[in-house]
Every structure is written in C-alpha cells, then in structure tokens.
Amino acid sequence: MADTLFGVHGAALEVRAQRMGVLASNIANASTPGFKARDIDFKTALGAAENGVATANGDALQYRVPTNPSMDGNTVELATEQTAFAENAVQYQTTLSFLNGRINQITRALRGE
C-alpha cells in the first residue's frame, strides 16, 4: 500500500541516502593512499530498488574515473565529491519534503479536513 501512496519517492529517498553514505566515504578517504572513489548511478539504483534489489550490491555502485588521479593511486577529487554530496543533499531534502507533504495530505484526508 505504501508503494501506491508514495510512488517512487520512498525508493528514491533510500537510494539518495545510500549515495550520501558512499560520497561521505569518498570524502573521508580523500587522503588514503590507493583509495578508489565510488558513486551510485541513481537511475540504475532506483530501478533496482523498485524491484527489491539491494542497491549497494547491484550494478549501480561504480568506481569514479578521475580527471587528475593522484600519484598514490587515490582517485578521490575532493571538489567533485563535495559538489556531488551537496547536490545529493539538496535532492534528498526535496524528496523528503515531497513525502512530508504527501503524509500531511493523507493525514488531513483522514481527519476529514
């Protein structure tokens, strides 16, 4: 029933939360020699989440190809990661706001307002 009430937004929120964790890990390991930056392909992950497949284990989690790899093998580009993190945070908040609005609509309907 939740799928029909919230549509794709519940799965989208879950995927955005997983992506937030991956991006935070990239940022935290910006100075770790040999660390390979990863990212979640949102479209692939959303399709997998809608079908009940765990995102982190699917094809959605991919290594990021750096423009300027470091000499120690680390592929994290801090500016890229921070930008992706900020964009994802805004999208997460937008999805959360939409869900909150939907819940408020349902609550008002149940109260007969």
PDB file of N, CA and C in Angstrom:
ATOM      1  N   MET A   1       0.814  -1.192   0.000  1.00  0.00           N
ATOM      2  CA  MET A   1       0.000   0.000   0.000  1.00  0.00           C
ATOM      3  C   MET A   1       0.865   1.267   0.000  1.00  0.00           C
ATOM      4  N   ALA A   2       2.022   1.199   0.675  1.00  0.00           N
ATOM      5  CA  ALA A   2       2.909   2.364   0.718  1.00  0.00           C
ATOM      6  C   ALA A   2       3.405   2.727  -0.677  1.00  0.00           C
ATOM      7  N   ASP A   3       3.574   1.714  -1.556  1.00  0.00           N
ATOM      8  CA  ASP A   3       4.033   1.990  -2.917  1.00  0.00           C
ATOM      9  C   ASP A   3       3.039   2.861  -3.672  1.00  0.00           C
ATOM     10  N   THR A   4       1.752   2.620  -3.470  1.00  0.00           N
ATOM     11  CA  THR A   4       0.755   3.409  -4.179  1.00  0.00           C
ATOM     12  C   THR A   4       0.583   4.788  -3.555  1.00  0.00           C
ATOM     13  N   LEU A   5       0.809   4.894  -2.245  1.00  0.00           N
ATOM     14  CA  LEU A   5       0.672   6.191  -1.580  1.00  0.00           C
ATOM     15  C   LEU A   5       1.823   7.138  -1.908  1.00  0.00           C
ATOM     16  N   PHE A   6       3.020   6.605  -1.935  1.00  0.00           N
ATOM     17  CA  PHE A   6       4.202   7.456  -2.088  1.00  0.00           C
ATOM     18  C   PHE A   6       4.893   7.319  -3.437  1.00  0.00           C
ATOM     19  N   GLY A   7       4.447   6.402  -4.260  1.00  0.00           N
ATOM     20  CA  GLY A   7       5.036   6.220  -5.574  1.00  0.00           C
ATOM     21  C   GLY A   7       6.502   5.861  -5.492  1.00  0.00           C
ATOM     22  N   VAL A   8       7.270   6.461  -6.341  1.00  0.00           N
ATOM     23  CA  VAL A   8       8.692   6.165  -6.448  1.00  0.00           C
ATOM     24  C   VAL A   8       9.521   6.882  -5.373  1.00  0.00           C
ATOM     25  N   HIS A   9       8.912   7.796  -4.669  1.00  0.00           N
ATOM     26  CA  HIS A   9       9.665   8.667  -3.767  1.00  0.00           C
ATOM     27  C   HIS A   9      10.261   7.953  -2.561  1.00  0.00           C
ATOM     28  N   GLY A  10       9.617   6.908  -2.078  1.00  0.00           N
ATOM     29  CA  GLY A  10      10.184   6.142  -0.971  1.00  0.00           C
ATOM     30  C   GLY A  10      11.477   5.460  -1.377  1.00  0.00           C
ATOM     31  N   ALA A  11      11.469   4.836  -2.561  1.00  0.00           N
ATOM     32  CA  ALA A  11      12.671   4.185  -3.082  1.00  0.00           C
ATOM     33  C   ALA A  11      13.743   5.224  -3.402  1.00  0.00           C
ATOM     34  N   ALA A  12      13.333   6.373  -3.926  1.00  0.00           N
ATOM     35  CA  ALA A  12      14.288   7.436  -4.255  1.00  0.00           C
ATOM     36  C   ALA A  12      14.989   7.937  -3.003  1.00  0.00           C
ATOM     37  N   LEU A  13      14.249   8.076  -1.910  1.00  0.00           N
ATOM     38  CA  LEU A  13      14.835   8.532  -0.657  1.00  0.00           C
ATOM     39  C   LEU A  13      15.872   7.525  -0.155  1.00  0.00           C
ATOM     40  N   GLU A  14      15.563   6.245  -0.270  1.00  0.00           N
ATOM     41  CA  GLU A  14      16.501   5.202   0.152  1.00  0.00           C
ATOM     42  C   GLU A  14      17.781   5.230  -0.679  1.00  0.00           C
ATOM     43  N   VAL A  15      17.646   5.376  -1.991  1.00  0.00           N
ATOM     44  CA  VAL A  15      18.813   5.418  -2.874  1.00  0.00           C
ATOM     45  C   VAL A  15      19.647   6.664  -2.590  1.00  0.00           C
ATOM     46  N   ARG A  16      19.004   7.796  -2.386  1.00  0.00           N
ATOM     47  CA  ARG A  16      19.744   9.028  -2.082  1.00  0.00           C
ATOM     48  C   ARG A  16      20.495   8.901  -0.756  1.00  0.00           C
ATOM     49  N   ALA A  17      19.901   8.225   0.216  1.00  0.00           N
ATOM     50  CA  ALA A  17      20.573   8.014   1.497  1.00  0.00           C
ATOM     51  C   ALA A  17      21.799   7.117   1.317  1.00  0.00           C
ATOM     52  N   GLN A  18      21.673   6.069   0.513  1.00  0.00           N
ATOM     53  CA  GLN A  18      22.813   5.194   0.241  1.00  0.00           C
ATOM     54  C   GLN A  18      23.912   5.953  -0.495  1.00  0.00           C
ATOM     55  N   ARG A  19      23.516   6.773  -1.446  1.00  0.00           N
ATOM     56  CA  ARG A  19      24.510   7.559  -2.195  1.00  0.00           C
ATOM     57  C   ARG A  19      25.222   8.543  -1.275  1.00  0.00           C
ATOM     58  N   MET A  20      24.484   9.120  -0.333  1.00  0.00           N
ATOM     59  CA  MET A  20      25.085  10.043   0.635  1.00  0.00           C
ATOM     60  C   MET A  20      26.202   9.337   1.408  1.00  0.00           C
ATOM     61  N   GLY A  21      25.952   8.097   1.797  1.00  0.00           N
ATOM     62  CA  GLY A  21      26.958   7.329   2.521  1.00  0.00           C
ATOM     63  C   GLY A  21      28.200   7.044   1.681  1.00  0.00           C
ATOM     64  N   VAL A  22      28.001   6.709   0.419  1.00  0.00           N
ATOM     65  CA  VAL A  22      29.133   6.438  -0.475  1.00  0.00           C
ATOM     66  C   VAL A  22      29.958   7.704  -0.694  1.00  0.00           C
ATOM     67  N   LEU A  23      29.294   8.821  -0.935  1.00  0.00           N
ATOM     68  CA  LEU A  23      30.001  10.081  -1.152  1.00  0.00           C
ATOM     69  C   LEU A  23      30.731  10.535   0.106  1.00  0.00           C
ATOM     70  N   ALA A  24      30.112  10.342   1.269  1.00  0.00           N
ATOM     71  CA  ALA A  24      30.769  10.693   2.532  1.00  0.00           C
ATOM     72  C   ALA A  24      32.015   9.842   2.741  1.00  0.00           C
ATOM     73  N   SER A  25      31.942   8.582   2.371  1.00  0.00           N
ATOM     74  CA  SER A  25      33.111   7.698   2.467  1.00  0.00           C
ATOM     75  C   SER A  25      34.233   8.173   1.555  1.00  0.00           C
ATOM     76  N   ASN A  26      33.874   8.609   0.353  1.00  0.00           N
ATOM     77  CA  ASN A  26      34.879   9.152  -0.565  1.00  0.00           C
ATOM     78  C   ASN A  26      35.572  10.362   0.042  1.00  0.00           C
ATOM     79  N   ILE A  27      34.783  11.275   0.596  1.00  0.00           N
ATOM     80  CA  ILE A  27      35.345  12.491   1.186  1.00  0.00           C
ATOM     81  C   ILE A  27      36.231  12.144   2.374  1.00  0.00           C
ATOM     82  N   ALA A  28      35.786  11.210   3.196  1.00  0.00           N
ATOM     83  CA  ALA A  28      36.556  10.817   4.380  1.00  0.00           C
ATOM     84  C   ALA A  28      37.884  10.167   4.007  1.00  0.00           C
ATOM     85  N   ASN A  29      37.941   9.545   2.838  1.00  0.00           N
ATOM     86  CA  ASN A  29      39.153   8.849   2.410  1.00  0.00           C
ATOM     87  C   ASN A  29      39.951   9.610   1.357  1.00  0.00           C
ATOM     88  N   ALA A  30      39.762  10.913   1.298  1.00  0.00           N
ATOM     89  CA  ALA A  30      40.446  11.733   0.291  1.00  0.00           C
ATOM     90  C   ALA A  30      41.963  11.657   0.407  1.00  0.00           C
ATOM     91  N   SER A  31      42.480  11.355   1.585  1.00  0.00           N
ATOM     92  CA  SER A  31      43.932  11.289   1.781  1.00  0.00           C
ATOM     93  C   SER A  31      44.455   9.866   1.942  1.00  0.00           C
ATOM     94  N   THR A  32      43.607   8.883   1.754  1.00  0.00           N
ATOM     95  CA  THR A  32      44.012   7.488   1.919  1.00  0.00           C
ATOM     96  C   THR A  32      44.670   6.983   0.647  1.00  0.00           C
ATOM     97  N   PRO A  33      45.943   6.598   0.719  1.00  0.00           N
ATOM     98  CA  PRO A  33      46.623   6.096  -0.481  1.00  0.00           C
ATOM     99  C   PRO A  33      45.911   4.869  -1.055  1.00  0.00           C
ATOM    100  N   GLY A  34      45.717   4.881  -2.345  1.00  0.00           N
ATOM    101  CA  GLY A  34      45.127   3.748  -3.040  1.00  0.00           C
ATOM    102  C   GLY A  34      43.607   3.663  -2.968  1.00  0.00           C
ATOM    103  N   PHE A  35      42.977   4.595  -2.282  1.00  0.00           N
ATOM    104  CA  PHE A  35      41.511   4.537  -2.181  1.00  0.00           C
ATOM    105  C   PHE A  35      40.886   4.872  -3.527  1.00  0.00           C
ATOM    106  N   LYS A  36      39.905   4.086  -3.917  1.00  0.00           N
ATOM    107  CA  LYS A  36      39.212   4.295  -5.196  1.00  0.00           C
ATOM    108  C   LYS A  36      37.828   4.885  -4.927  1.00  0.00           C
ATOM    109  N   ALA A  37      37.586   6.079  -5.438  1.00  0.00           N
ATOM    110  CA  ALA A  37      36.295   6.752  -5.260  1.00  0.00           C
ATOM    111  C   ALA A  37      35.199   5.986  -5.996  1.00  0.00           C
ATOM    112  N   ARG A  38      34.037   5.912  -5.358  1.00  0.00           N
ATOM    113  CA  ARG A  38      32.894   5.227  -5.954  1.00  0.00           C
ATOM    114  C   ARG A  38      31.687   6.163  -5.932  1.00  0.00           C
ATOM    115  N   ASP A  39      30.710   5.813  -6.732  1.00  0.00           N
ATOM    116  CA  ASP A  39      29.463   6.566  -6.747  1.00  0.00           C
ATOM    117  C   ASP A  39      28.348   5.616  -7.149  1.00  0.00           C
ATOM    118  N   ILE A  40      27.143   6.008  -6.838  1.00  0.00           N
ATOM    119  CA  ILE A  40      25.972   5.219  -7.199  1.00  0.00           C
ATOM    120  C   ILE A  40      25.288   5.889  -8.375  1.00  0.00           C
ATOM    121  N   ASP A  41      25.051   5.118  -9.428  1.00  0.00           N
ATOM    122  CA  ASP A  41      24.283   5.609 -10.568  1.00  0.00           C
ATOM    123  C   ASP A  41      22.819   5.614 -10.138  1.00  0.00           C
ATOM    124  N   PHE A  42      22.267   6.801  -9.939  1.00  0.00           N
ATOM    125  CA  PHE A  42      20.931   6.950  -9.364  1.00  0.00           C
ATOM    126  C   PHE A  42      19.863   6.224 -10.168  1.00  0.00           C
ATOM    127  N   LYS A  43      19.889   6.370 -11.473  1.00  0.00           N
ATOM    128  CA  LYS A  43      18.858   5.773 -12.325  1.00  0.00           C
ATOM    129  C   LYS A  43      18.866   4.240 -12.214  1.00  0.00           C
ATOM    130  N   THR A  44      20.059   3.648 -12.263  1.00  0.00           N
ATOM    131  CA  THR A  44      20.183   2.199 -12.134  1.00  0.00           C
ATOM    132  C   THR A  44      19.763   1.741 -10.749  1.00  0.00           C
ATOM    133  N   ALA A  45      20.206   2.478  -9.730  1.00  0.00           N
ATOM    134  CA  ALA A  45      19.892   2.115  -8.354  1.00  0.00           C
ATOM    135  C   ALA A  45      18.400   2.233  -8.069  1.00  0.00           C
ATOM    136  N   LEU A  46      17.757   3.257  -8.619  1.00  0.00           N
ATOM    137  CA  LEU A  46      16.329   3.434  -8.404  1.00  0.00           C
ATOM    138  C   LEU A  46      15.548   2.294  -9.038  1.00  0.00           C
ATOM    139  N   GLY A  47      15.949   1.912 -10.233  1.00  0.00           N
ATOM    140  CA  GLY A  47      15.298   0.772 -10.886  1.00  0.00           C
ATOM    141  C   GLY A  47      15.455  -0.504 -10.077  1.00  0.00           C
ATOM    142  N   ALA A  48      16.648  -0.706  -9.527  1.00  0.00           N
ATOM    143  CA  ALA A  48      16.897  -1.885  -8.700  1.00  0.00           C
ATOM    144  C   ALA A  48      16.095  -1.831  -7.409  1.00  0.00           C
ATOM    145  N   ALA A  49      16.037  -0.662  -6.778  1.00  0.00           N
ATOM    146  CA  ALA A  49      15.298  -0.515  -5.518  1.00  0.00           C
ATOM    147  C   ALA A  49      13.804  -0.749  -5.724  1.00  0.00           C
ATOM    148  N   GLU A  50      13.282  -0.316  -6.848  1.00  0.00           N
ATOM    149  CA  GLU A  50      11.866  -0.536  -7.135  1.00  0.00           C
ATOM    150  C   GLU A  50      11.556  -2.013  -7.323  1.00  0.00           C
ATOM    151  N   ASN A  51      12.573  -2.778  -7.733  1.00  0.00           N
ATOM    152  CA  ASN A  51      12.400  -4.218  -7.921  1.00  0.00           C
ATOM    153  C   ASN A  51      12.838  -5.021  -6.700  1.00  0.00           C
ATOM    154  N   GLY A  52      13.162  -4.328  -5.602  1.00  0.00           N
ATOM    155  CA  GLY A  52      13.527  -5.009  -4.366  1.00  0.00           C
ATOM    156  C   GLY A  52      14.960  -5.492  -4.297  1.00  0.00           C
ATOM    157  N   VAL A  53      15.839  -5.005  -5.162  1.00  0.00           N
ATOM    158  CA  VAL A  53      17.242  -5.409  -5.164  1.00  0.00           C
ATOM    159  C   VAL A  53      18.045  -4.404  -4.350  1.00  0.00           C
ATOM    160  N   ALA A  54      18.969  -4.907  -3.511  1.00  0.00           N
ATOM    161  CA  ALA A  54      19.820  -4.020  -2.702  1.00  0.00           C
ATOM    162  C   ALA A  54      20.727  -3.222  -3.615  1.00  0.00           C
ATOM    163  N   THR A  55      20.730  -1.919  -3.455  1.00  0.00           N
ATOM    164  CA  THR A  55      21.490  -1.029  -4.327  1.00  0.00           C
ATOM    165  C   THR A  55      22.989  -1.254  -4.252  1.00  0.00           C
ATOM    166  N   ALA A  56      23.522  -1.356  -3.047  1.00  0.00           N
ATOM    167  CA  ALA A  56      24.969  -1.452  -2.877  1.00  0.00           C
ATOM    168  C   ALA A  56      25.551  -2.693  -3.538  1.00  0.00           C
ATOM    169  N   ASN A  57      24.767  -3.738  -3.710  1.00  0.00           N
ATOM    170  CA  ASN A  57      25.265  -4.975  -4.307  1.00  0.00           C
ATOM    171  C   ASN A  57      24.990  -5.063  -5.801  1.00  0.00           C
ATOM    172  N   GLY A  58      24.289  -4.096  -6.343  1.00  0.00           N
ATOM    173  CA  GLY A  58      23.904  -4.143  -7.749  1.00  0.00           C
ATOM    174  C   GLY A  58      24.904  -3.467  -8.660  1.00  0.00           C
ATOM    175  N   ASP A  59      24.472  -3.264  -9.896  1.00  0.00           N
ATOM    176  CA  ASP A  59      25.312  -2.625 -10.909  1.00  0.00           C
ATOM    177  C   ASP A  59      25.403  -1.122 -10.711  1.00  0.00           C
ATOM    178  N   ALA A  60      24.646  -0.575  -9.783  1.00  0.00           N
ATOM    179  CA  ALA A  60      24.586   0.874  -9.600  1.00  0.00           C
ATOM    180  C   ALA A  60      25.846   1.434  -8.945  1.00  0.00           C
ATOM    181  N   LEU A  61      26.531   0.643  -8.119  1.00  0.00           N
ATOM    182  CA  LEU A  61      27.737   1.112  -7.435  1.00  0.00           C
ATOM    183  C   LEU A  61      28.927   0.935  -8.370  1.00  0.00           C
ATOM    184  N   GLN A  62      29.508   2.063  -8.767  1.00  0.00           N
ATOM    185  CA  GLN A  62      30.589   2.041  -9.751  1.00  0.00           C
ATOM    186  C   GLN A  62      31.765   2.873  -9.260  1.00  0.00           C
ATOM    187  N   TYR A  63      32.951   2.552  -9.781  1.00  0.00           N
ATOM    188  CA  TYR A  63      34.132   3.355  -9.469  1.00  0.00           C
ATOM    189  C   TYR A  63      34.101   4.617 -10.315  1.00  0.00           C
ATOM    190  N   ARG A  64      34.504   5.721  -9.698  1.00  0.00           N
ATOM    191  CA  ARG A  64      34.540   7.001 -10.394  1.00  0.00           C
ATOM    192  C   ARG A  64      35.866   7.107 -11.155  1.00  0.00           C
ATOM    193  N   VAL A  65      35.800   7.576 -12.381  1.00  0.00           N
ATOM    194  CA  VAL A  65      37.003   7.778 -13.188  1.00  0.00           C
ATOM    195  C   VAL A  65      37.495   9.198 -12.938  1.00  0.00           C
ATOM    196  N   PRO A  66      38.698   9.343 -12.378  1.00  0.00           N
ATOM    197  CA  PRO A  66      39.194  10.678 -12.040  1.00  0.00           C
ATOM    198  C   PRO A  66      39.724  11.429 -13.259  1.00  0.00           C
ATOM    199  N   THR A  67      39.667  12.757 -13.193  1.00  0.00           N
ATOM    200  CA  THR A  67      40.281  13.564 -14.245  1.00  0.00           C
ATOM    201  C   THR A  67      41.763  13.745 -13.969  1.00  0.00           C
ATOM    202  N   ASN A  68      42.128  13.870 -12.688  1.00  0.00           N
ATOM    203  CA  ASN A  68      43.528  14.022 -12.289  1.00  0.00           C
ATOM    204  C   ASN A  68      43.855  13.072 -11.139  1.00  0.00           C
ATOM    205  N   PRO A  69      44.159  11.797 -11.440  1.00  0.00           N
ATOM    206  CA  PRO A  69      44.470  10.860 -10.359  1.00  0.00           C
ATOM    207  C   PRO A  69      45.756  11.258  -9.646  1.00  0.00           C
ATOM    208  N   SER A  70      45.807  10.960  -8.364  1.00  0.00           N
ATOM    209  CA  SER A  70      46.997  11.308  -7.597  1.00  0.00           C
ATOM    210  C   SER A  70      48.078  10.248  -7.784  1.00  0.00           C
ATOM    211  N   MET A  71      49.282  10.592  -7.388  1.00  0.00           N
ATOM    212  CA  MET A  71      50.433   9.684  -7.545  1.00  0.00           C
ATOM    213  C   MET A  71      50.329   8.459  -6.640  1.00  0.00           C
ATOM    214  N   ASP A  72      49.596   8.563  -5.519  1.00  0.00           N
ATOM    215  CA  ASP A  72      49.493   7.441  -4.590  1.00  0.00           C
ATOM    216  C   ASP A  72      48.347   6.484  -4.936  1.00  0.00           C
ATOM    217  N   GLY A  73      47.682   6.707  -6.071  1.00  0.00           N
ATOM    218  CA  GLY A  73      46.622   5.812  -6.511  1.00  0.00           C
ATOM    219  C   GLY A  73      45.241   6.176  -6.010  1.00  0.00           C
ATOM    220  N   ASN A  74      45.132   7.231  -5.233  1.00  0.00           N
ATOM    221  CA  ASN A  74      43.842   7.677  -4.739  1.00  0.00           C
ATOM    222  C   ASN A  74      43.106   8.392  -5.866  1.00  0.00           C
ATOM    223  N   THR A  75      41.851   8.015  -6.085  1.00  0.00           N
ATOM    224  CA  THR A  75      41.093   8.627  -7.184  1.00  0.00           C
ATOM    225  C   THR A  75      40.046   9.632  -6.705  1.00  0.00           C
ATOM    226  N   VAL A  76      40.085   9.998  -5.423  1.00  0.00           N
ATOM    227  CA  VAL A  76      39.129  10.969  -4.887  1.00  0.00           C
ATOM    228  C   VAL A  76      39.544  12.379  -5.294  1.00  0.00           C
ATOM    229  N   GLU A  77      38.637  13.092  -5.930  1.00  0.00           N
ATOM    230  CA  GLU A  77      38.837  14.508  -6.235  1.00  0.00           C
ATOM    231  C   GLU A  77      37.863  15.262  -5.326  1.00  0.00           C
ATOM    232  N   LEU A  78      38.411  15.896  -4.324  1.00  0.00           N
ATOM    233  CA  LEU A  78      37.616  16.476  -3.253  1.00  0.00           C
ATOM    234  C   LEU A  78      36.540  17.435  -3.753  1.00  0.00           C
ATOM    235  N   ALA A  79      36.863  18.301  -4.681  1.00  0.00           N
ATOM    236  CA  ALA A  79      35.873  19.262  -5.190  1.00  0.00           C
ATOM    237  C   ALA A  79      34.709  18.538  -5.867  1.00  0.00           C
ATOM    238  N   THR A  80      35.000  17.510  -6.627  1.00  0.00           N
ATOM    239  CA  THR A  80      33.965  16.724  -7.296  1.00  0.00           C
ATOM    240  C   THR A  80      33.060  16.042  -6.282  1.00  0.00           C
ATOM    241  N   GLU A  81      33.681  15.452  -5.268  1.00  0.00           N
ATOM    242  CA  GLU A  81      32.916  14.743  -4.241  1.00  0.00           C
ATOM    243  C   GLU A  81      32.049  15.702  -3.430  1.00  0.00           C
ATOM    244  N   GLN A  82      32.595  16.857  -3.082  1.00  0.00           N
ATOM    245  CA  GLN A  82      31.832  17.828  -2.303  1.00  0.00           C
ATOM    246  C   GLN A  82      30.650  18.362  -3.100  1.00  0.00           C
ATOM    247  N   THR A  83      30.847  18.588  -4.382  1.00  0.00           N
ATOM    248  CA  THR A  83      29.766  19.055  -5.245  1.00  0.00           C
ATOM    249  C   THR A  83      28.678  17.996  -5.358  1.00  0.00           C
ATOM    250  N   ALA A  84      29.081  16.747  -5.595  1.00  0.00           N
ATOM    251  CA  ALA A  84      28.112  15.655  -5.704  1.00  0.00           C
ATOM    252  C   ALA A  84      27.361  15.470  -4.384  1.00  0.00           C
ATOM    253  N   PHE A  85      28.068  15.601  -3.259  1.00  0.00           N
ATOM    254  CA  PHE A  85      27.442  15.463  -1.951  1.00  0.00           C
ATOM    255  C   PHE A  85      26.401  16.561  -1.728  1.00  0.00           C
ATOM    256  N   ALA A  86      26.763  17.787  -2.063  1.00  0.00           N
ATOM    257  CA  ALA A  86      25.836  18.918  -1.887  1.00  0.00           C
ATOM    258  C   ALA A  86      24.603  18.766  -2.777  1.00  0.00           C
ATOM    259  N   GLU A  87      24.796  18.380  -4.028  1.00  0.00           N
ATOM    260  CA  GLU A  87      23.674  18.175  -4.941  1.00  0.00           C
ATOM    261  C   GLU A  87      22.761  17.061  -4.426  1.00  0.00           C
ATOM    262  N   ASN A  88      23.364  15.966  -3.966  1.00  0.00           N
ATOM    263  CA  ASN A  88      22.584  14.850  -3.454  1.00  0.00           C
ATOM    264  C   ASN A  88      21.821  15.253  -2.195  1.00  0.00           C
ATOM    265  N   ALA A  89      22.436  16.072  -1.340  1.00  0.00           N
ATOM    266  CA  ALA A  89      21.774  16.533  -0.116  1.00  0.00           C
ATOM    267  C   ALA A  89      20.542  17.369  -0.451  1.00  0.00           C
ATOM    268  N   VAL A  90      20.647  18.229  -1.452  1.00  0.00           N
ATOM    269  CA  VAL A  90      19.511  19.048  -1.874  1.00  0.00           C
ATOM    270  C   VAL A  90      18.407  18.149  -2.444  1.00  0.00           C
ATOM    271  N   GLN A  91      18.774  17.184  -3.257  1.00  0.00           N
ATOM    272  CA  GLN A  91      17.794  16.270  -3.834  1.00  0.00           C
ATOM    273  C   GLN A  91      17.145  15.407  -2.756  1.00  0.00           C
ATOM    274  N   TYR A  92      17.918  14.981  -1.767  1.00  0.00           N
ATOM    275  CA  TYR A  92      17.394  14.213  -0.643  1.00  0.00           C
ATOM    276  C   TYR A  92      16.349  15.043   0.106  1.00  0.00           C
ATOM    277  N   GLN A  93      16.697  16.296   0.400  1.00  0.00           N
ATOM    278  CA  GLN A  93      15.782  17.179   1.130  1.00  0.00           C
ATOM    279  C   GLN A  93      14.508  17.444   0.325  1.00  0.00           C
ATOM    280  N   THR A  94      14.641  17.592  -0.975  1.00  0.00           N
ATOM    281  CA  THR A  94      13.485  17.810  -1.836  1.00  0.00           C
ATOM    282  C   THR A  94      12.551  16.600  -1.808  1.00  0.00           C
ATOM    283  N   THR A  95      13.117  15.414  -1.913  1.00  0.00           N
ATOM    284  CA  THR A  95      12.319  14.193  -1.857  1.00  0.00           C
ATOM    285  C   THR A  95      11.644  14.051  -0.497  1.00  0.00           C
ATOM    286  N   LEU A  96      12.384  14.357   0.550  1.00  0.00           N
ATOM    287  CA  LEU A  96      11.836  14.293   1.907  1.00  0.00           C
ATOM    288  C   LEU A  96      10.686  15.294   2.079  1.00  0.00           C
ATOM    289  N   SER A  97      10.839  16.480   1.535  1.00  0.00           N
ATOM    290  CA  SER A  97       9.777  17.496   1.608  1.00  0.00           C
ATOM    291  C   SER A  97       8.528  17.039   0.865  1.00  0.00           C
ATOM    292  N   PHE A  98       8.728  16.421  -0.297  1.00  0.00           N
ATOM    293  CA  PHE A  98       7.589  15.915  -1.052  1.00  0.00           C
ATOM    294  C   PHE A  98       6.858  14.844  -0.245  1.00  0.00           C
ATOM    295  N   LEU A  99       7.603  13.913   0.334  1.00  0.00           N
ATOM    296  CA  LEU A  99       6.987  12.858   1.142  1.00  0.00           C
ATOM    297  C   LEU A  99       6.259  13.436   2.347  1.00  0.00           C
ATOM    298  N   ASN A 100       6.855  14.426   2.981  1.00  0.00           N
ATOM    299  CA  ASN A 100       6.222  15.076   4.126  1.00  0.00           C
ATOM    300  C   ASN A 100       4.905  15.729   3.712  1.00  0.00           C
ATOM    301  N   GLY A 101       4.899  16.395   2.568  1.00  0.00           N
ATOM    302  CA  GLY A 101       3.673  16.995   2.052  1.00  0.00           C
ATOM    303  C   GLY A 101       2.607  15.951   1.771  1.00  0.00           C
ATOM    304  N   ARG A 102       3.025  14.843   1.210  1.00  0.00           N
ATOM    305  CA  ARG A 102       2.089  13.742   0.909  1.00  0.00           C
ATOM    306  C   ARG A 102       1.506  13.176   2.199  1.00  0.00           C
ATOM    307  N   ILE A 103       2.332  12.994   3.215  1.00  0.00           N
ATOM    308  CA  ILE A 103       1.857  12.486   4.505  1.00  0.00           C
ATOM    309  C   ILE A 103       0.876  13.472   5.131  1.00  0.00           C
ATOM    310  N   ASN A 104       1.167  14.763   5.021  1.00  0.00           N
ATOM    311  CA  ASN A 104       0.242  15.783   5.541  1.00  0.00           C
ATOM    312  C   ASN A 104      -1.100  15.742   4.817  1.00  0.00           C
ATOM    313  N   GLN A 105      -1.065  15.524   3.494  1.00  0.00           N
ATOM    314  CA  GLN A 105      -2.302  15.408   2.718  1.00  0.00           C
ATOM    315  C   GLN A 105      -3.131  14.224   3.210  1.00  0.00           C
ATOM    316  N   ILE A 106      -2.480  13.109   3.394  1.00  0.00           N
ATOM    317  CA  ILE A 106      -3.185  11.902   3.835  1.00  0.00           C
ATOM    318  C   ILE A 106      -3.755  12.106   5.240  1.00  0.00           C
ATOM    319  N   THR A 107      -2.980  12.729   6.119  1.00  0.00           N
ATOM    320  CA  THR A 107      -3.438  12.996   7.472  1.00  0.00           C
ATOM    321  C   THR A 107      -4.667  13.894   7.466  1.00  0.00           C
ATOM    322  N   ARG A 108      -4.637  14.946   6.652  1.00  0.00           N
ATOM    323  CA  ARG A 108      -5.798  15.850   6.550  1.00  0.00           C
ATOM    324  C   ARG A 108      -7.008  15.119   5.985  1.00  0.00           C
ATOM    325  N   ALA A 109      -6.790  14.254   5.020  1.00  0.00           N
ATOM    326  CA  ALA A 109      -7.899  13.494   4.436  1.00  0.00           C
ATOM    327  C   ALA A 109      -8.514  12.553   5.465  1.00  0.00           C
ATOM    328  N   LEU A 110      -7.688  11.931   6.271  1.00  0.00           N
ATOM    329  CA  LEU A 110      -8.191  11.024   7.298  1.00  0.00           C
ATOM    330  C   LEU A 110      -8.974  11.771   8.385  1.00  0.00           C
ATOM    331  N   ARG A 111      -8.569  12.994   8.648  1.00  0.00           N
ATOM    332  CA  ARG A 111      -9.274  13.825   9.638  1.00  0.00           C
ATOM    333  C   ARG A 111     -10.545  14.444   9.062  1.00  0.00           C
ATOM    334  N   GLY A 112     -10.678  14.404   7.752  1.00  0.00           N
ATOM    335  CA  GLY A 112     -11.845  14.983   7.103  1.00  0.00           C
ATOM    336  C   GLY A 112     -11.743  16.472   6.893  1.00  0.00           C
ATOM    337  N   GLU A 113     -10.559  17.002   6.826  1.00  0.00           N
ATOM    338  CA  GLU A 113     -10.346  18.442   6.656  1.00  0.00           C
ATOM    339  C   GLU A 113     -10.413  18.833   5.192  1.00  0.00           C
TER     340      GLU A 113
END
